[in-house]
């Protein structure tokens, strides 16, 4: 058996392609730690990707997303499909003692060789969470997993970016989580493709269903009308119905040619998101290490120099962008 230090790019790539769990675990650890080997590995595996179907599950904390994913995994495993789960929770990665409550239900699948589960926290992600999640998705895709679930709390920018790489987005709500309904109403939350209202026996479940339905009815331009399913993940109630709606959305995307279009858009968006995060990081380091650039910031703060002139000079110095677009307004 290969020891931990014996993995090479070639042996890792071969192990991932064969679906070897140890190779998968090692590859995703490398990705999480932004190791140089991870870049080479994903570059080699990339031509083998594009086959897995990615389902993003988002929603506020405590609505039972892990239970819902666990129930969906059980349902699709009964159909003999292989599954990967990437759980993105900035506050509580598994390794830091988060295997409590809902997470224990996901643990039911840890021993199933057809399921690979990985939790990611924000710590140590030099390139950001979205970048690590995308790389991990690509690794699972190359390993032959037919379905990959991406779970996120859906709160900050990086979580939105993680969900941005999914083919179908499921929003999990539960009666009483009024903030999410307000966010939907205000248009802050991207309209998901499928909505699950979990804990269907709650007295306010029907009220929430009607409220969400009335918000969705305001969007006349969307060709796909997001279905709403009342579920109880713990008891597995209506989970087959929820899965049927996810499959329906996938069929709609494939038949209309929108799946390819969505994937192209998502990948381009991801390239820009990661490039922006890297550029921002590079800028911050450059300014911190360069007294001349720090002086520019000080002058702005003392109101001796206007912000846009400072921007021009910083970009010129750091990225050699020059003074192009002087007259254009900032976006």
C-alpha atoms as a PDB file:
ATOM      1  CA  UNK A   1       0.000   0.000   0.000  1.00  0.00           C
ATOM      2  CA  UNK A   2       1.364   3.400  -0.927  1.00  0.00           C
ATOM      3  CA  UNK A   3       2.303   5.458   2.104  1.00  0.00           C
ATOM      4  CA  UNK A   4       1.226   8.997   2.526  1.00  0.00           C
ATOM      5  CA  UNK A   5       4.439  10.457   1.074  1.00  0.00           C
ATOM      6  CA  UNK A   6       4.623   8.156  -1.891  1.00  0.00           C
ATOM      7  CA  UNK A   7       1.826   9.760  -3.901  1.00  0.00           C
ATOM      8  CA  UNK A   8       3.032  11.300  -7.146  1.00  0.00           C
ATOM      9  CA  UNK A   9       0.943  13.233  -9.630  1.00  0.00           C
ATOM     10  CA  UNK A  10       0.762  10.133 -11.830  1.00  0.00           C
ATOM     11  CA  UNK A  11      -0.231   7.712  -9.050  1.00  0.00           C
ATOM     12  CA  UNK A  12      -2.736  10.192  -7.611  1.00  0.00           C
ATOM     13  CA  UNK A  13      -4.323  10.840 -11.022  1.00  0.00           C
ATOM     14  CA  UNK A  14      -4.556   7.096 -11.663  1.00  0.00           C
ATOM     15  CA  UNK A  15      -6.025   6.515  -8.174  1.00  0.00           C
ATOM     16  CA  UNK A  16      -8.609   9.278  -8.621  1.00  0.00           C
ATOM     17  CA  UNK A  17      -9.650   7.930 -12.037  1.00  0.00           C
ATOM     18  CA  UNK A  18     -10.154   4.504 -10.469  1.00  0.00           C
ATOM     19  CA  UNK A  19     -12.255   6.056  -7.699  1.00  0.00           C
ATOM     20  CA  UNK A  20      -9.762   5.003  -5.002  1.00  0.00           C
ATOM     21  CA  UNK A  21     -10.908   6.595  -1.729  1.00  0.00           C
ATOM     22  CA  UNK A  22      -7.400   7.173  -0.362  1.00  0.00           C
ATOM     23  CA  UNK A  23      -6.340   8.910  -3.574  1.00  0.00           C
ATOM     24  CA  UNK A  24      -9.524  11.023  -3.489  1.00  0.00           C
ATOM     25  CA  UNK A  25      -8.969  12.013   0.145  1.00  0.00           C
ATOM     26  CA  UNK A  26      -5.317  12.914  -0.524  1.00  0.00           C
ATOM     27  CA  UNK A  27      -6.164  14.863  -3.689  1.00  0.00           C
ATOM     28  CA  UNK A  28      -8.832  16.937  -1.931  1.00  0.00           C
ATOM     29  CA  UNK A  29      -6.503  17.626   1.012  1.00  0.00           C
ATOM     30  CA  UNK A  30      -3.908  18.949  -1.456  1.00  0.00           C
ATOM     31  CA  UNK A  31      -6.616  21.103  -3.061  1.00  0.00           C
ATOM     32  CA  UNK A  32      -7.735  22.428   0.333  1.00  0.00           C
ATOM     33  CA  UNK A  33      -4.188  23.380   1.249  1.00  0.00           C
ATOM     34  CA  UNK A  34      -3.514  25.010  -2.157  1.00  0.00           C
ATOM     35  CA  UNK A  35      -0.508  22.697  -2.643  1.00  0.00           C
ATOM     36  CA  UNK A  36       1.358  23.127  -5.958  1.00  0.00           C
ATOM     37  CA  UNK A  37       0.817  19.397  -6.688  1.00  0.00           C
ATOM     38  CA  UNK A  38      -2.958  20.023  -6.577  1.00  0.00           C
ATOM     39  CA  UNK A  39      -2.736  22.415  -9.549  1.00  0.00           C
ATOM     40  CA  UNK A  40      -0.825  19.888 -11.655  1.00  0.00           C
ATOM     41  CA  UNK A  41      -3.186  17.113 -10.634  1.00  0.00           C
ATOM     42  CA  UNK A  42      -6.388  19.018 -11.477  1.00  0.00           C
ATOM     43  CA  UNK A  43      -4.843  20.186 -14.764  1.00  0.00           C
ATOM     44  CA  UNK A  44      -4.201  16.549 -15.660  1.00  0.00           C
ATOM     45  CA  UNK A  45      -7.677  15.392 -14.572  1.00  0.00           C
ATOM     46  CA  UNK A  46      -9.604  18.277 -16.135  1.00  0.00           C
ATOM     47  CA  UNK A  47     -10.170  16.587 -19.549  1.00  0.00           C
ATOM     48  CA  UNK A  48     -11.916  13.743 -17.644  1.00  0.00           C
ATOM     49  CA  UNK A  49     -14.490  16.094 -16.084  1.00  0.00           C
ATOM     50  CA  UNK A  50     -17.906  17.347 -17.160  1.00  0.00           C
ATOM     51  CA  UNK A  51     -19.797  14.113 -16.526  1.00  0.00           C
ATOM     52  CA  UNK A  52     -20.932  14.569 -12.909  1.00  0.00           C
ATOM     53  CA  UNK A  53     -24.183  16.426 -12.247  1.00  0.00           C
ATOM     54  CA  UNK A  54     -23.733  19.017  -9.493  1.00  0.00           C
ATOM     55  CA  UNK A  55     -26.644  19.825  -7.168  1.00  0.00           C
ATOM     56  CA  UNK A  56     -26.157  22.816  -4.870  1.00  0.00           C
ATOM     57  CA  UNK A  57     -28.128  22.823  -1.625  1.00  0.00           C
ATOM     58  CA  UNK A  58     -28.223  26.146   0.162  1.00  0.00           C
ATOM     59  CA  UNK A  59     -30.284  27.863   2.830  1.00  0.00           C
ATOM     60  CA  UNK A  60     -29.961  29.399   6.283  1.00  0.00           C
ATOM     61  CA  UNK A  61     -28.313  27.498   9.161  1.00  0.00           C
ATOM     62  CA  UNK A  62     -30.473  24.999  11.004  1.00  0.00           C
ATOM     63  CA  UNK A  63     -33.018  24.232   8.291  1.00  0.00           C
ATOM     64  CA  UNK A  64     -31.810  20.653   7.913  1.00  0.00           C
ATOM     65  CA  UNK A  65     -29.684  20.823   4.759  1.00  0.00           C
ATOM     66  CA  UNK A  66     -27.435  17.954   5.871  1.00  0.00           C
ATOM     67  CA  UNK A  67     -30.484  15.806   6.711  1.00  0.00           C
ATOM     68  CA  UNK A  68     -31.982  16.637   3.335  1.00  0.00           C
ATOM     69  CA  UNK A  69     -28.768  15.743   1.490  1.00  0.00           C
ATOM     70  CA  UNK A  70     -28.450  12.552   3.537  1.00  0.00           C
ATOM     71  CA  UNK A  71     -32.011  11.545   2.582  1.00  0.00           C
ATOM     72  CA  UNK A  72     -31.366  12.398  -1.094  1.00  0.00           C
ATOM     73  CA  UNK A  73     -28.117  10.393  -1.037  1.00  0.00           C
ATOM     74  CA  UNK A  74     -30.007   7.398   0.402  1.00  0.00           C
ATOM     75  CA  UNK A  75     -32.615   7.744  -2.344  1.00  0.00           C
ATOM     76  CA  UNK A  76     -30.128   7.949  -5.241  1.00  0.00           C
ATOM     77  CA  UNK A  77     -27.942   5.165  -3.798  1.00  0.00           C
ATOM     78  CA  UNK A  78     -31.011   2.916  -3.989  1.00  0.00           C
ATOM     79  CA  UNK A  79     -30.836   3.635  -7.750  1.00  0.00           C
ATOM     80  CA  UNK A  80     -27.168   2.575  -7.615  1.00  0.00           C
ATOM     81  CA  UNK A  81     -25.720   5.981  -8.488  1.00  0.00           C
ATOM     82  CA  UNK A  82     -22.325   7.014  -7.104  1.00  0.00           C
ATOM     83  CA  UNK A  83     -22.267  10.211  -5.080  1.00  0.00           C
ATOM     84  CA  UNK A  84     -19.871  12.865  -3.796  1.00  0.00           C
ATOM     85  CA  UNK A  85     -20.776  15.444  -1.131  1.00  0.00           C
ATOM     86  CA  UNK A  86     -18.829  18.664  -0.534  1.00  0.00           C
ATOM     87  CA  UNK A  87     -20.090  20.388   2.574  1.00  0.00           C
ATOM     88  CA  UNK A  88     -18.957  24.005   2.798  1.00  0.00           C
ATOM     89  CA  UNK A  89     -19.446  25.436   6.244  1.00  0.00           C
ATOM     90  CA  UNK A  90     -17.111  28.295   7.142  1.00  0.00           C
ATOM     91  CA  UNK A  91     -18.014  28.081  10.820  1.00  0.00           C
ATOM     92  CA  UNK A  92     -17.788  24.360  11.466  1.00  0.00           C
ATOM     93  CA  UNK A  93     -15.820  21.938   9.315  1.00  0.00           C
ATOM     94  CA  UNK A  94     -16.172  18.283  10.396  1.00  0.00           C
ATOM     95  CA  UNK A  95     -12.568  18.161  11.553  1.00  0.00           C
ATOM     96  CA  UNK A  96     -13.221  20.847  14.146  1.00  0.00           C
ATOM     97  CA  UNK A  97     -15.876  18.964  16.036  1.00  0.00           C
ATOM     98  CA  UNK A  98     -18.936  19.762  13.951  1.00  0.00           C
ATOM     99  CA  UNK A  99     -20.135  16.182  13.661  1.00  0.00           C
ATOM    100  CA  UNK A 100     -23.255  17.016  15.666  1.00  0.00           C
ATOM    101  CA  UNK A 101     -26.981  17.128  15.010  1.00  0.00           C
ATOM    102  CA  UNK A 102     -27.747  17.025  11.302  1.00  0.00           C
ATOM    103  CA  UNK A 103     -24.185  16.117  10.404  1.00  0.00           C
ATOM    104  CA  UNK A 104     -24.474  12.738  12.146  1.00  0.00           C
ATOM    105  CA  UNK A 105     -27.135  11.793   9.607  1.00  0.00           C
ATOM    106  CA  UNK A 106     -24.629  12.343   6.787  1.00  0.00           C
ATOM    107  CA  UNK A 107     -22.287  10.046   8.720  1.00  0.00           C
ATOM    108  CA  UNK A 108     -24.654   7.151   7.902  1.00  0.00           C
ATOM    109  CA  UNK A 109     -23.038   7.177   4.454  1.00  0.00           C
ATOM    110  CA  UNK A 110     -19.378   7.329   5.498  1.00  0.00           C
ATOM    111  CA  UNK A 111     -18.922   3.568   5.187  1.00  0.00           C
ATOM    112  CA  UNK A 112     -20.666   3.316   1.821  1.00  0.00           C
ATOM    113  CA  UNK A 113     -17.974   2.825  -0.868  1.00  0.00           C
ATOM    114  CA  UNK A 114     -20.267   4.496  -3.444  1.00  0.00           C
ATOM    115  CA  UNK A 115     -20.357   7.754  -1.439  1.00  0.00           C
ATOM    116  CA  UNK A 116     -17.492  10.176  -0.743  1.00  0.00           C
ATOM    117  CA  UNK A 117     -18.128  13.005   1.742  1.00  0.00           C
ATOM    118  CA  UNK A 118     -15.828  15.924   2.468  1.00  0.00           C
ATOM    119  CA  UNK A 119     -16.388  18.976   4.634  1.00  0.00           C
ATOM    120  CA  UNK A 120     -14.503  22.214   4.023  1.00  0.00           C
ATOM    121  CA  UNK A 121     -13.967  25.126   6.352  1.00  0.00           C
ATOM    122  CA  UNK A 122     -12.519  28.481   5.423  1.00  0.00           C
ATOM    123  CA  UNK A 123      -9.235  27.986   7.227  1.00  0.00           C
ATOM    124  CA  UNK A 124      -6.131  27.804   5.104  1.00  0.00           C
ATOM    125  CA  UNK A 125      -7.736  28.604   1.764  1.00  0.00           C
ATOM    126  CA  UNK A 126      -5.241  30.915   0.127  1.00  0.00           C
ATOM    127  CA  UNK A 127      -7.290  31.042  -3.051  1.00  0.00           C
ATOM    128  CA  UNK A 128     -10.643  31.170  -1.287  1.00  0.00           C
ATOM    129  CA  UNK A 129     -13.380  28.699  -0.547  1.00  0.00           C
ATOM    130  CA  UNK A 130     -14.976  28.836  -3.996  1.00  0.00           C
ATOM    131  CA  UNK A 131     -11.691  27.863  -5.610  1.00  0.00           C
ATOM    132  CA  UNK A 132     -11.176  24.893  -3.255  1.00  0.00           C
ATOM    133  CA  UNK A 133     -14.786  23.729  -3.751  1.00  0.00           C
ATOM    134  CA  UNK A 134     -14.487  23.933  -7.554  1.00  0.00           C
ATOM    135  CA  UNK A 135     -11.212  21.949  -7.521  1.00  0.00           C
ATOM    136  CA  UNK A 136     -12.740  19.337  -5.187  1.00  0.00           C
ATOM    137  CA  UNK A 137     -15.800  19.071  -7.456  1.00  0.00           C
ATOM    138  CA  UNK A 138     -13.516  18.505 -10.459  1.00  0.00           C
ATOM    139  CA  UNK A 139     -11.610  15.773  -8.582  1.00  0.00           C
ATOM    140  CA  UNK A 140     -14.865  13.983  -7.636  1.00  0.00           C
ATOM    141  CA  UNK A 141     -16.118  14.408 -11.214  1.00  0.00           C
ATOM    142  CA  UNK A 142     -12.925  12.861 -12.634  1.00  0.00           C
ATOM    143  CA  UNK A 143     -13.271   9.966 -10.167  1.00  0.00           C
ATOM    144  CA  UNK A 144     -16.493   8.937 -11.897  1.00  0.00           C
ATOM    145  CA  UNK A 145     -19.018  10.168  -9.295  1.00  0.00           C
ATOM    146  CA  UNK A 146     -22.324  10.581 -11.139  1.00  0.00           C
ATOM    147  CA  UNK A 147     -23.765  13.127  -8.716  1.00  0.00           C
ATOM    148  CA  UNK A 148     -22.074  15.688  -6.502  1.00  0.00           C
ATOM    149  CA  UNK A 149     -23.985  17.595  -3.817  1.00  0.00           C
ATOM    150  CA  UNK A 150     -22.541  20.959  -2.731  1.00  0.00           C
ATOM    151  CA  UNK A 151     -23.859  22.085   0.632  1.00  0.00           C
ATOM    152  CA  UNK A 152     -23.429  25.658   1.870  1.00  0.00           C
ATOM    153  CA  UNK A 153     -24.993  27.973   4.427  1.00  0.00           C
ATOM    154  CA  UNK A 154     -25.566  30.452   1.615  1.00  0.00           C
ATOM    155  CA  UNK A 155     -24.630  33.509   3.650  1.00  0.00           C
ATOM    156  CA  UNK A 156     -21.529  35.249   2.318  1.00  0.00           C
ATOM    157  CA  UNK A 157     -19.978  35.964  -1.060  1.00  0.00           C
ATOM    158  CA  UNK A 158     -17.817  32.829  -1.120  1.00  0.00           C
ATOM    159  CA  UNK A 159     -20.850  30.618  -0.433  1.00  0.00           C
ATOM    160  CA  UNK A 160     -22.732  32.273  -3.295  1.00  0.00           C
ATOM    161  CA  UNK A 161     -19.729  31.554  -5.532  1.00  0.00           C
ATOM    162  CA  UNK A 162     -19.669  27.901  -4.417  1.00  0.00           C
ATOM    163  CA  UNK A 163     -23.334  27.527  -5.358  1.00  0.00           C
ATOM    164  CA  UNK A 164     -22.493  29.266  -8.647  1.00  0.00           C
ATOM    165  CA  UNK A 165     -20.828  26.076  -9.905  1.00  0.00           C
ATOM    166  CA  UNK A 166     -23.941  23.897  -9.429  1.00  0.00           C
ATOM    167  CA  UNK A 167     -26.120  22.697 -12.321  1.00  0.00           C
ATOM    168  CA  UNK A 168     -29.289  22.713 -10.198  1.00  0.00           C
ATOM    169  CA  UNK A 169     -29.677  24.853  -7.065  1.00  0.00           C
ATOM    170  CA  UNK A 170     -32.001  23.704  -4.281  1.00  0.00           C
ATOM    171  CA  UNK A 171     -32.968  26.231  -1.611  1.00  0.00           C
ATOM    172  CA  UNK A 172     -33.890  24.606   1.707  1.00  0.00           C
ATOM    173  CA  UNK A 173     -36.178  26.609   3.964  1.00  0.00           C
ATOM    174  CA  UNK A 174     -38.137  25.783   7.040  1.00  0.00           C
ATOM    175  CA  UNK A 175     -41.211  27.387   8.556  1.00  0.00           C
ATOM    176  CA  UNK A 176     -40.113  30.235  10.770  1.00  0.00           C
ATOM    177  CA  UNK A 177     -36.975  31.081   8.749  1.00  0.00           C
ATOM    178  CA  UNK A 178     -38.576  34.382   7.709  1.00  0.00           C
ATOM    179  CA  UNK A 179     -35.278  36.082   6.814  1.00  0.00           C
ATOM    180  CA  UNK A 180     -34.851  33.829   3.780  1.00  0.00           C
ATOM    181  CA  UNK A 181     -38.335  34.641   2.540  1.00  0.00           C
ATOM    182  CA  UNK A 182     -37.558  38.345   2.960  1.00  0.00           C
ATOM    183  CA  UNK A 183     -34.296  37.888   1.036  1.00  0.00           C
ATOM    184  CA  UNK A 184     -36.203  36.134  -1.767  1.00  0.00           C
ATOM    185  CA  UNK A 185     -38.792  38.902  -1.777  1.00  0.00           C
ATOM    186  CA  UNK A 186     -36.144  41.613  -1.934  1.00  0.00           C
ATOM    187  CA  UNK A 187     -34.393  39.801  -4.782  1.00  0.00           C
ATOM    188  CA  UNK A 188     -31.184  39.568  -2.739  1.00  0.00           C
ATOM    189  CA  UNK A 189     -31.234  35.803  -2.999  1.00  0.00           C
ATOM    190  CA  UNK A 190     -30.789  34.335  -6.472  1.00  0.00           C
ATOM    191  CA  UNK A 191     -33.984  32.545  -7.432  1.00  0.00           C
ATOM    192  CA  UNK A 192     -33.195  28.842  -6.933  1.00  0.00           C
ATOM    193  CA  UNK A 193     -34.276  26.078  -9.339  1.00  0.00           C
ATOM    194  CA  UNK A 194     -36.102  23.963  -6.746  1.00  0.00           C
ATOM    195  CA  UNK A 195     -37.310  24.905  -3.252  1.00  0.00           C
ATOM    196  CA  UNK A 196     -37.704  22.465  -0.356  1.00  0.00           C
ATOM    197  CA  UNK A 197     -39.682  23.549   2.696  1.00  0.00           C
ATOM    198  CA  UNK A 198     -38.405  21.145   5.331  1.00  0.00           C
ATOM    199  CA  UNK A 199     -40.290  20.105   8.511  1.00  0.00           C
ATOM    200  CA  UNK A 200     -43.572  19.900   6.604  1.00  0.00           C
ATOM    201  CA  UNK A 201     -45.619  19.105   9.744  1.00  0.00           C
ATOM    202  CA  UNK A 202     -44.891  22.544  11.195  1.00  0.00           C
ATOM    203  CA  UNK A 203     -48.151  24.515  11.543  1.00  0.00           C
ATOM    204  CA  UNK A 204     -46.700  27.384   9.463  1.00  0.00           C
ATOM    205  CA  UNK A 205     -45.493  25.163   6.582  1.00  0.00           C
ATOM    206  CA  UNK A 206     -48.518  25.781   4.336  1.00  0.00           C
ATOM    207  CA  UNK A 207     -48.389  29.534   5.019  1.00  0.00           C
ATOM    208  CA  UNK A 208     -44.734  29.601   4.013  1.00  0.00           C
ATOM    209  CA  UNK A 209     -45.509  27.583   0.877  1.00  0.00           C
ATOM    210  CA  UNK A 210     -48.120  30.154  -0.184  1.00  0.00           C
ATOM    211  CA  UNK A 211     -45.829  33.062   0.632  1.00  0.00           C
ATOM    212  CA  UNK A 212     -42.933  31.636  -1.416  1.00  0.00           C
ATOM    213  CA  UNK A 213     -45.312  30.761  -4.268  1.00  0.00           C
ATOM    214  CA  UNK A 214     -46.591  34.352  -4.398  1.00  0.00           C
ATOM    215  CA  UNK A 215     -42.996  35.710  -4.522  1.00  0.00           C
ATOM    216  CA  UNK A 216     -42.106  33.349  -7.381  1.00  0.00           C
ATOM    217  CA  UNK A 217     -45.251  34.319  -9.326  1.00  0.00           C
ATOM    218  CA  UNK A 218     -43.867  37.870  -9.659  1.00  0.00           C
ATOM    219  CA  UNK A 219     -41.061  36.578 -11.891  1.00  0.00           C
ATOM    220  CA  UNK A 220     -42.780  36.410 -15.277  1.00  0.00           C
ATOM    221  CA  UNK A 221     -39.602  36.274 -17.347  1.00  0.00           C
ATOM    222  CA  UNK A 222     -38.321  32.914 -16.142  1.00  0.00           C
ATOM    223  CA  UNK A 223     -39.233  30.029 -18.360  1.00  0.00           C
ATOM    224  CA  UNK A 224     -38.537  27.469 -15.618  1.00  0.00           C
ATOM    225  CA  UNK A 225     -40.944  27.928 -12.703  1.00  0.00           C
ATOM    226  CA  UNK A 226     -39.197  26.655  -9.543  1.00  0.00           C
ATOM    227  CA  UNK A 227     -41.308  23.907  -7.953  1.00  0.00           C
ATOM    228  CA  UNK A 228     -41.823  23.961  -4.170  1.00  0.00           C
ATOM    229  CA  UNK A 229     -41.800  20.642  -2.294  1.00  0.00           C
ATOM    230  CA  UNK A 230     -42.822  20.162   1.352  1.00  0.00           C
ATOM    231  CA  UNK A 231     -40.432  17.629   2.902  1.00  0.00           C
ATOM    232  CA  UNK A 232     -39.457  15.995   6.169  1.00  0.00           C
ATOM    233  CA  UNK A 233     -35.841  14.944   5.702  1.00  0.00           C
ATOM    234  CA  UNK A 234     -35.524  13.062   8.999  1.00  0.00           C
ATOM    235  CA  UNK A 235     -38.494  10.832   8.174  1.00  0.00           C
ATOM    236  CA  UNK A 236     -37.618  10.785   4.468  1.00  0.00           C
ATOM    237  CA  UNK A 237     -41.059  12.151   3.562  1.00  0.00           C
ATOM    238  CA  UNK A 238     -41.425  13.568   0.042  1.00  0.00           C
ATOM    239  CA  UNK A 239     -37.706  13.058  -0.630  1.00  0.00           C
ATOM    240  CA  UNK A 240     -38.489  11.008  -3.787  1.00  0.00           C
ATOM    241  CA  UNK A 241     -40.737  13.911  -4.919  1.00  0.00           C
ATOM    242  CA  UNK A 242     -37.943  16.407  -4.283  1.00  0.00           C
ATOM    243  CA  UNK A 243     -35.498  14.252  -6.259  1.00  0.00           C
ATOM    244  CA  UNK A 244     -38.051  13.968  -9.086  1.00  0.00           C
ATOM    245  CA  UNK A 245     -38.162  17.794  -9.320  1.00  0.00           C
ATOM    246  CA  UNK A 246     -34.334  17.975  -9.450  1.00  0.00           C
ATOM    247  CA  UNK A 247     -34.369  15.408 -12.274  1.00  0.00           C
ATOM    248  CA  UNK A 248     -37.139  17.396 -14.008  1.00  0.00           C
ATOM    249  CA  UNK A 249     -34.960  20.520 -13.875  1.00  0.00           C
ATOM    250  CA  UNK A 250     -32.002  18.605 -15.277  1.00  0.00           C
ATOM    251  CA  UNK A 251     -34.177  17.281 -18.143  1.00  0.00           C
ATOM    252  CA  UNK A 252     -35.414  20.830 -18.825  1.00  0.00           C
ATOM    253  CA  UNK A 253     -31.805  22.119 -18.982  1.00  0.00           C
ATOM    254  CA  UNK A 254     -30.655  19.298 -21.248  1.00  0.00           C
ATOM    255  CA  UNK A 255     -33.597  19.492 -23.646  1.00  0.00           C
ATOM    256  CA  UNK A 256     -33.404  23.266 -23.996  1.00  0.00           C
ATOM    257  CA  UNK A 257     -29.615  23.237 -24.477  1.00  0.00           C
ATOM    258  CA  UNK A 258     -29.279  25.336 -21.324  1.00  0.00           C
ATOM    259  CA  UNK A 259     -27.178  22.837 -19.384  1.00  0.00           C
ATOM    260  CA  UNK A 260     -24.147  23.371 -21.620  1.00  0.00           C
ATOM    261  CA  UNK A 261     -24.830  27.122 -21.632  1.00  0.00           C
ATOM    262  CA  UNK A 262     -25.125  27.240 -17.825  1.00  0.00           C
ATOM    263  CA  UNK A 263     -21.928  25.228 -17.357  1.00  0.00           C
ATOM    264  CA  UNK A 264     -19.989  27.463 -19.737  1.00  0.00           C
ATOM    265  CA  UNK A 265     -21.262  30.552 -17.915  1.00  0.00           C
ATOM    266  CA  UNK A 266     -20.543  29.024 -14.480  1.00  0.00           C
ATOM    267  CA  UNK A 267     -16.990  28.050 -15.430  1.00  0.00           C
ATOM    268  CA  UNK A 268     -16.254  31.469 -16.924  1.00  0.00           C
ATOM    269  CA  UNK A 269     -17.738  33.084 -13.790  1.00  0.00           C
ATOM    270  CA  UNK A 270     -15.566  30.868 -11.627  1.00  0.00           C
ATOM    271  CA  UNK A 271     -12.412  31.805 -13.566  1.00  0.00           C
ATOM    272  CA  UNK A 272     -13.199  35.508 -13.064  1.00  0.00           C
ATOM    273  CA  UNK A 273     -14.132  35.022  -9.390  1.00  0.00           C
ATOM    274  CA  UNK A 274     -10.886  33.183  -8.617  1.00  0.00           C
ATOM    275  CA  UNK A 275      -8.816  35.621 -10.708  1.00  0.00           C
ATOM    276  CA  UNK A 276     -10.435  38.569  -8.864  1.00  0.00           C
ATOM    277  CA  UNK A 277      -9.743  36.991  -5.476  1.00  0.00           C
ATOM    278  CA  UNK A 278      -6.118  36.358  -6.457  1.00  0.00           C
ATOM    279  CA  UNK A 279      -5.689  39.861  -7.878  1.00  0.00           C
ATOM    280  CA  UNK A 280      -7.150  41.401  -4.711  1.00  0.00           C
ATOM    281  CA  UNK A 281      -4.802  39.339  -2.548  1.00  0.00           C
ATOM    282  CA  UNK A 282      -1.834  40.302  -4.734  1.00  0.00           C
ATOM    283  CA  UNK A 283      -2.821  43.977  -4.503  1.00  0.00           C
ATOM    284  CA  UNK A 284      -3.179  43.869  -0.711  1.00  0.00           C
ATOM    285  CA  UNK A 285       0.253  42.254  -0.335  1.00  0.00           C
ATOM    286  CA  UNK A 286       1.835  44.657  -2.820  1.00  0.00           C
ATOM    287  CA  UNK A 287       0.439  47.695  -0.998  1.00  0.00           C
ATOM    288  CA  UNK A 288       1.434  46.294   2.422  1.00  0.00           C
ATOM    289  CA  UNK A 289       5.015  45.672   1.231  1.00  0.00           C
ATOM    290  CA  UNK A 290       5.537  48.909  -0.706  1.00  0.00           C
ATOM    291  CA  UNK A 291       6.007  52.173   1.247  1.00  0.00           C
ATOM    292  CA  UNK A 292       5.231  54.231  -1.875  1.00  0.00           C
ATOM    293  CA  UNK A 293       1.844  52.529  -2.363  1.00  0.00           C
ATOM    294  CA  UNK A 294       1.056  52.836   1.352  1.00  0.00           C
ATOM    295  CA  UNK A 295       1.829  56.547   1.061  1.00  0.00           C
ATOM    296  CA  UNK A 296      -0.828  56.827  -1.679  1.00  0.00           C
ATOM    297  CA  UNK A 297      -3.400  55.312   0.661  1.00  0.00           C
ATOM    298  CA  UNK A 298      -2.357  57.661   3.450  1.00  0.00           C
ATOM    299  CA  UNK A 299      -2.797  60.621   1.101  1.00  0.00           C
ATOM    300  CA  UNK A 300      -6.327  59.454   0.226  1.00  0.00           C
ATOM    301  CA  UNK A 301      -7.125  59.069   3.928  1.00  0.00           C
ATOM    302  CA  UNK A 302      -5.811  62.609   4.584  1.00  0.00           C
ATOM    303  CA  UNK A 303      -7.903  63.806   1.599  1.00  0.00           C
ATOM    304  CA  UNK A 304      -4.803  65.048  -0.202  1.00  0.00           C
ATOM    305  CA  UNK A 305      -5.336  62.662  -3.139  1.00  0.00           C
ATOM    306  CA  UNK A 306      -8.635  61.528  -4.619  1.00  0.00           C
ATOM    307  CA  UNK A 307      -9.403  57.748  -4.565  1.00  0.00           C
ATOM    308  CA  UNK A 308      -9.493  57.222  -8.340  1.00  0.00           C
ATOM    309  CA  UNK A 309      -6.100  58.816  -8.934  1.00  0.00           C
ATOM    310  CA  UNK A 310      -4.731  56.519  -6.209  1.00  0.00           C
ATOM    311  CA  UNK A 311      -6.385  53.511  -7.930  1.00  0.00           C
ATOM    312  CA  UNK A 312      -4.779  54.487 -11.261  1.00  0.00           C
ATOM    313  CA  UNK A 313      -1.341  54.788  -9.733  1.00  0.00           C
ATOM    314  CA  UNK A 314      -1.622  51.541  -7.754  1.00  0.00           C
ATOM    315  CA  UNK A 315      -2.822  49.573 -10.819  1.00  0.00           C
ATOM    316  CA  UNK A 316      -0.080  51.106 -12.903  1.00  0.00           C
ATOM    317  CA  UNK A 317       2.596  50.122 -10.398  1.00  0.00           C
ATOM    318  CA  UNK A 318       1.264  46.635  -9.457  1.00  0.00           C
ATOM    319  CA  UNK A 319      -0.255  45.401 -12.714  1.00  0.00           C
ATOM    320  CA  UNK A 320       1.326  47.797 -15.242  1.00  0.00           C
ATOM    321  CA  UNK A 321      -2.187  48.599 -16.463  1.00  0.00           C
ATOM    322  CA  UNK A 322      -1.210  52.156 -17.329  1.00  0.00           C
ATOM    323  CA  UNK A 323      -3.622  55.065 -17.438  1.00  0.00           C
ATOM    324  CA  UNK A 324      -6.069  53.547 -19.850  1.00  0.00           C
ATOM    325  CA  UNK A 325      -9.692  54.340 -19.280  1.00  0.00           C
ATOM    326  CA  UNK A 326      -9.001  57.590 -17.396  1.00  0.00           C
ATOM    327  CA  UNK A 327     -12.270  59.073 -18.458  1.00  0.00           C
ATOM    328  CA  UNK A 328     -14.404  56.003 -17.825  1.00  0.00           C
ATOM    329  CA  UNK A 329     -16.506  55.934 -14.732  1.00  0.00           C
ATOM    330  CA  UNK A 330     -15.766  53.257 -12.149  1.00  0.00           C
ATOM    331  CA  UNK A 331     -18.062  50.257 -12.400  1.00  0.00           C
END
